[in-house]
């Protein structure tokens, strides 16, 4: 389970450990700030995580399979 504050390296290690799949990974930059939006497939549903270098994960969203 992803938790707020997790860093990118921790997230990728958890994905590998659990056999999940990264469906999409995009990095954005706006007004001098950058963040990564990653969609991860976890067996029967997806999870969107938004993270940056300073805070790690700052938002987590459940994504039902029918929405992907």
Protein backbone atom coordinates (compact mmCIF):
# COMPACT_ATOMS: atom_id res chain seq x y z
CA UNK A 1 0.00 0.00 0.00
CA UNK A 2 1.37 3.39 -0.96
CA UNK A 3 1.63 6.01 1.77
CA UNK A 4 2.03 9.77 1.68
CA UNK A 5 5.65 10.81 1.89
CA UNK A 6 7.08 7.76 0.10
CA UNK A 7 9.89 8.65 -2.31
CA UNK A 8 10.10 7.51 -5.95
CA UNK A 9 12.71 4.85 -5.16
CA UNK A 10 10.48 3.36 -2.44
CA UNK A 11 7.47 3.37 -4.77
CA UNK A 12 9.37 1.61 -7.58
CA UNK A 13 10.78 -0.97 -5.13
CA UNK A 14 7.25 -1.71 -3.84
CA UNK A 15 5.96 -2.08 -7.41
CA UNK A 16 8.72 -4.54 -8.27
CA UNK A 17 8.32 -6.47 -5.01
CA UNK A 18 4.57 -6.94 -5.53
CA UNK A 19 4.70 -7.63 -9.27
CA UNK A 20 2.58 -4.59 -10.12
CA UNK A 21 2.79 -2.74 -13.43
CA UNK A 22 3.39 0.94 -14.16
CA UNK A 23 0.78 1.82 -16.79
CA UNK A 24 1.78 5.46 -17.17
CA UNK A 25 4.43 7.77 -15.76
CA UNK A 26 4.58 11.45 -16.67
CA UNK A 27 6.62 14.29 -15.20
CA UNK A 28 5.17 17.80 -15.27
CA UNK A 29 6.60 21.22 -14.55
CA UNK A 30 4.65 24.38 -13.87
CA UNK A 31 5.65 27.67 -12.23
CA UNK A 32 9.04 26.30 -11.23
CA UNK A 33 7.64 23.20 -9.53
CA UNK A 34 7.78 19.68 -10.90
CA UNK A 35 5.91 16.50 -10.01
CA UNK A 36 5.41 12.99 -11.31
CA UNK A 37 2.03 11.40 -11.99
CA UNK A 38 2.23 7.60 -12.01
CA UNK A 39 -0.59 5.13 -12.65
CA UNK A 40 0.06 1.67 -11.22
CA UNK A 41 -1.97 -1.49 -11.94
CA UNK A 42 -2.42 -3.54 -8.74
CA UNK A 43 -4.02 -6.85 -9.78
CA UNK A 44 -7.65 -5.68 -10.16
CA UNK A 45 -7.56 -1.87 -9.94
CA UNK A 46 -5.28 1.07 -10.57
CA UNK A 47 -3.77 3.67 -8.28
CA UNK A 48 -2.64 7.15 -9.30
CA UNK A 49 0.13 8.62 -7.20
CA UNK A 50 1.40 12.17 -7.45
CA UNK A 51 4.85 12.83 -6.03
CA UNK A 52 7.70 15.31 -6.04
CA UNK A 53 11.26 15.33 -4.76
CA UNK A 54 10.49 17.41 -1.67
CA UNK A 55 7.36 15.74 -0.30
CA UNK A 56 7.42 12.31 -1.91
CA UNK A 57 3.85 11.12 -2.52
CA UNK A 58 1.44 13.96 -1.83
CA UNK A 59 -1.75 12.52 -3.37
CA UNK A 60 -3.08 8.98 -3.87
CA UNK A 61 -6.19 8.15 -5.90
CA UNK A 62 -7.98 4.81 -6.43
CA UNK A 63 -8.77 4.12 -10.10
CA UNK A 64 -11.34 1.37 -10.87
CA UNK A 65 -10.46 -1.03 -13.69
CA UNK A 66 -13.30 0.17 -15.92
CA UNK A 67 -11.81 3.69 -15.90
CA UNK A 68 -8.44 2.60 -17.28
